[in-house]
Amino acid sequence: MKYLHINNGKAYYKTGENYVEIDRITREDLSSLLNLASNEDFEMDPYDERSLSNKAHQIIYLNLYNKLNNFISDKEQFKKQAESLYQAAISKYSVKVPEADLVEDEIRIEDIPF
């Protein structure tokens, strides 16, 4: 789905079901776009200075487009880093419970390490 859009010399962003001119963007809208950009289905019109006649729209769109594009291209690296961090914690704090003489779903008090 396209969340940043250029049409008739102006830039727009999608919020809910509507497109709003990009110079009206709020902090909450930026946060929402960032969350949406973490999904696979996030599209943006490429920045083209000639298609934007409004200078404010050019500046805002270019900066937002670049930031979101960098985030999208780096999100796989972020995911790998997060998984690596969690895996290290799981390895460090996991306890292996002996399986001998256990009935399924039964844990003996003496096997708990703390």
C-alpha atoms as a PDB file:
ATOM      1  CA  MET A   1       0.000   0.000   0.000  1.00  0.00           C
ATOM      2  CA  LYS A   2       1.277   3.481  -0.881  1.00  0.00           C
ATOM      3  CA  TYR A   3       1.762   5.712   2.172  1.00  0.00           C
ATOM      4  CA  LEU A   4       3.699   8.602   0.608  1.00  0.00           C
ATOM      5  CA  HIS A   5       2.224   9.914  -2.595  1.00  0.00           C
ATOM      6  CA  ILE A   6       2.949  12.773  -5.039  1.00  0.00           C
ATOM      7  CA  ASN A   7       0.072  14.188  -7.073  1.00  0.00           C
ATOM      8  CA  ASN A   8      -0.566  17.507  -8.874  1.00  0.00           C
ATOM      9  CA  GLY A   9       2.602  19.159  -7.576  1.00  0.00           C
ATOM     10  CA  LYS A  10       1.918  18.284  -3.929  1.00  0.00           C
ATOM     11  CA  ALA A  11       3.061  15.546  -1.555  1.00  0.00           C
ATOM     12  CA  TYR A  12       0.652  13.540   0.582  1.00  0.00           C
ATOM     13  CA  TYR A  13       0.851  10.930   3.314  1.00  0.00           C
ATOM     14  CA  LYS A  14      -1.768   8.327   4.125  1.00  0.00           C
ATOM     15  CA  THR A  15      -3.477   8.425   7.482  1.00  0.00           C
ATOM     16  CA  GLY A  16      -6.351   6.035   7.978  1.00  0.00           C
ATOM     17  CA  GLU A  17      -8.337   6.056   4.732  1.00  0.00           C
ATOM     18  CA  ASN A  18      -7.319   9.586   3.677  1.00  0.00           C
ATOM     19  CA  TYR A  19      -4.350  11.293   2.083  1.00  0.00           C
ATOM     20  CA  VAL A  20      -3.303  14.520   3.809  1.00  0.00           C
ATOM     21  CA  GLU A  21      -0.883  17.170   2.529  1.00  0.00           C
ATOM     22  CA  ILE A  22       2.541  16.414   3.915  1.00  0.00           C
ATOM     23  CA  ASP A  23       3.034  19.850   5.487  1.00  0.00           C
ATOM     24  CA  ARG A  24       0.228  18.974   7.943  1.00  0.00           C
ATOM     25  CA  ILE A  25       2.030  15.911   9.328  1.00  0.00           C
ATOM     26  CA  THR A  26       2.120  15.520  13.113  1.00  0.00           C
ATOM     27  CA  ARG A  27       4.423  13.676  15.480  1.00  0.00           C
ATOM     28  CA  GLU A  28       1.770  10.971  15.896  1.00  0.00           C
ATOM     29  CA  ASP A  29       1.503  10.616  12.114  1.00  0.00           C
ATOM     30  CA  LEU A  30       5.285  10.188  11.876  1.00  0.00           C
ATOM     31  CA  SER A  31       5.188   7.500  14.544  1.00  0.00           C
ATOM     32  CA  SER A  32       2.353   5.747  12.737  1.00  0.00           C
ATOM     33  CA  LEU A  33       4.234   5.845   9.420  1.00  0.00           C
ATOM     34  CA  LEU A  34       7.307   4.385  11.085  1.00  0.00           C
ATOM     35  CA  ASN A  35       5.239   1.527  12.520  1.00  0.00           C
ATOM     36  CA  LEU A  36       3.623   0.928   9.141  1.00  0.00           C
ATOM     37  CA  ALA A  37       7.039   0.961   7.442  1.00  0.00           C
ATOM     38  CA  SER A  38       8.005  -2.077   9.491  1.00  0.00           C
ATOM     39  CA  ASN A  39       5.410  -4.048   7.471  1.00  0.00           C
ATOM     40  CA  GLU A  40       6.232  -5.647   4.144  1.00  0.00           C
ATOM     41  CA  ASP A  41       3.544  -3.727   2.214  1.00  0.00           C
ATOM     42  CA  PHE A  42       4.838  -0.140   2.567  1.00  0.00           C
ATOM     43  CA  GLU A  43       5.276   1.820  -0.651  1.00  0.00           C
ATOM     44  CA  MET A  44       6.276   5.400  -1.422  1.00  0.00           C
ATOM     45  CA  ASP A  45       6.455   7.416  -4.604  1.00  0.00           C
ATOM     46  CA  PRO A  46      10.112   8.109  -5.328  1.00  0.00           C
ATOM     47  CA  TYR A  47      11.226  11.660  -4.658  1.00  0.00           C
ATOM     48  CA  ASP A  48      11.213  13.829  -7.779  1.00  0.00           C
ATOM     49  CA  GLU A  49      11.835  17.528  -7.287  1.00  0.00           C
ATOM     50  CA  ARG A  50      10.257  18.374 -10.667  1.00  0.00           C
ATOM     51  CA  SER A  51       6.933  16.796  -9.697  1.00  0.00           C
ATOM     52  CA  LEU A  52       6.679  18.877  -6.500  1.00  0.00           C
ATOM     53  CA  SER A  53       6.047  22.572  -7.107  1.00  0.00           C
ATOM     54  CA  ASN A  54       5.618  23.413  -3.405  1.00  0.00           C
ATOM     55  CA  LYS A  55       9.057  24.022  -1.841  1.00  0.00           C
ATOM     56  CA  ALA A  56       7.912  23.063   1.675  1.00  0.00           C
ATOM     57  CA  HIS A  57       6.568  19.784   0.312  1.00  0.00           C
ATOM     58  CA  GLN A  58       9.891  19.171  -1.456  1.00  0.00           C
ATOM     59  CA  ILE A  59      11.888  19.563   1.764  1.00  0.00           C
ATOM     60  CA  ILE A  60       9.529  17.567   3.978  1.00  0.00           C
ATOM     61  CA  TYR A  61       8.983  14.787   1.433  1.00  0.00           C
ATOM     62  CA  LEU A  62      12.696  14.397   0.652  1.00  0.00           C
ATOM     63  CA  ASN A  63      13.643  14.110   4.330  1.00  0.00           C
ATOM     64  CA  LEU A  64      10.781  11.787   5.208  1.00  0.00           C
ATOM     65  CA  TYR A  65      11.336   9.646   2.115  1.00  0.00           C
ATOM     66  CA  ASN A  66      15.057   9.262   2.883  1.00  0.00           C
ATOM     67  CA  LYS A  67      14.498   8.419   6.561  1.00  0.00           C
ATOM     68  CA  LEU A  68      11.776   5.859   5.839  1.00  0.00           C
ATOM     69  CA  ASN A  69      13.743   4.377   2.952  1.00  0.00           C
ATOM     70  CA  ASN A  70      16.799   3.933   5.213  1.00  0.00           C
ATOM     71  CA  PHE A  71      14.630   2.367   7.915  1.00  0.00           C
ATOM     72  CA  ILE A  72      13.057  -0.066   5.439  1.00  0.00           C
ATOM     73  CA  SER A  73      16.424  -1.094   4.016  1.00  0.00           C
ATOM     74  CA  ASP A  74      17.892  -1.571   7.517  1.00  0.00           C
ATOM     75  CA  LYS A  75      14.925  -3.353   9.131  1.00  0.00           C
ATOM     76  CA  GLU A  76      16.302  -6.824   8.348  1.00  0.00           C
ATOM     77  CA  GLN A  77      19.508  -5.883  10.134  1.00  0.00           C
ATOM     78  CA  PHE A  78      17.440  -4.601  13.093  1.00  0.00           C
ATOM     79  CA  LYS A  79      15.516  -7.883  13.219  1.00  0.00           C
ATOM     80  CA  LYS A  80      18.732  -9.924  13.175  1.00  0.00           C
ATOM     81  CA  GLN A  81      20.240  -7.801  15.949  1.00  0.00           C
ATOM     82  CA  ALA A  82      17.114  -8.178  18.087  1.00  0.00           C
ATOM     83  CA  GLU A  83      17.000 -11.945  17.531  1.00  0.00           C
ATOM     84  CA  SER A  84      20.693 -12.201  18.373  1.00  0.00           C
ATOM     85  CA  LEU A  85      20.176 -10.209  21.556  1.00  0.00           C
ATOM     86  CA  TYR A  86      17.265 -12.411  22.641  1.00  0.00           C
ATOM     87  CA  GLN A  87      19.132 -15.577  21.710  1.00  0.00           C
ATOM     88  CA  ALA A  88      22.077 -14.550  23.877  1.00  0.00           C
ATOM     89  CA  ALA A  89      19.744 -13.917  26.828  1.00  0.00           C
ATOM     90  CA  ILE A  90      17.900 -17.194  26.289  1.00  0.00           C
ATOM     91  CA  SER A  91      21.177 -19.096  26.173  1.00  0.00           C
ATOM     92  CA  LYS A  92      22.488 -17.355  29.268  1.00  0.00           C
ATOM     93  CA  TYR A  93      19.396 -17.776  31.429  1.00  0.00           C
ATOM     94  CA  SER A  94      17.926 -21.056  30.189  1.00  0.00           C
ATOM     95  CA  VAL A  95      18.072 -24.119  32.376  1.00  0.00           C
ATOM     96  CA  LYS A  96      18.021 -27.613  31.024  1.00  0.00           C
ATOM     97  CA  VAL A  97      15.650 -29.792  33.019  1.00  0.00           C
ATOM     98  CA  PRO A  98      16.641 -33.469  33.125  1.00  0.00           C
ATOM     99  CA  GLU A  99      14.200 -35.572  31.124  1.00  0.00           C
ATOM    100  CA  ALA A 100      14.729 -38.903  32.885  1.00  0.00           C
ATOM    101  CA  ASP A 101      11.866 -40.177  35.009  1.00  0.00           C
ATOM    102  CA  LEU A 102       9.581 -37.295  34.048  1.00  0.00           C
ATOM    103  CA  VAL A 103       6.031 -37.722  33.011  1.00  0.00           C
ATOM    104  CA  GLU A 104       5.045 -35.259  30.289  1.00  0.00           C
ATOM    105  CA  ASP A 105       4.329 -31.786  31.739  1.00  0.00           C
ATOM    106  CA  GLU A 106       5.560 -32.870  35.184  1.00  0.00           C
ATOM    107  CA  ILE A 107       8.275 -30.876  36.896  1.00  0.00           C
ATOM    108  CA  ARG A 108       9.729 -31.938  40.225  1.00  0.00           C
ATOM    109  CA  ILE A 109      10.504 -29.277  42.809  1.00  0.00           C
ATOM    110  CA  GLU A 110      14.047 -30.605  43.318  1.00  0.00           C
ATOM    111  CA  ASP A 111      14.778 -30.031  39.587  1.00  0.00           C
ATOM    112  CA  ILE A 112      14.128 -26.301  39.791  1.00  0.00           C
ATOM    113  CA  PRO A 113      17.554 -24.616  40.039  1.00  0.00           C
ATOM    114  CA  PHE A 114      16.559 -21.735  42.314  1.00  0.00           C
END
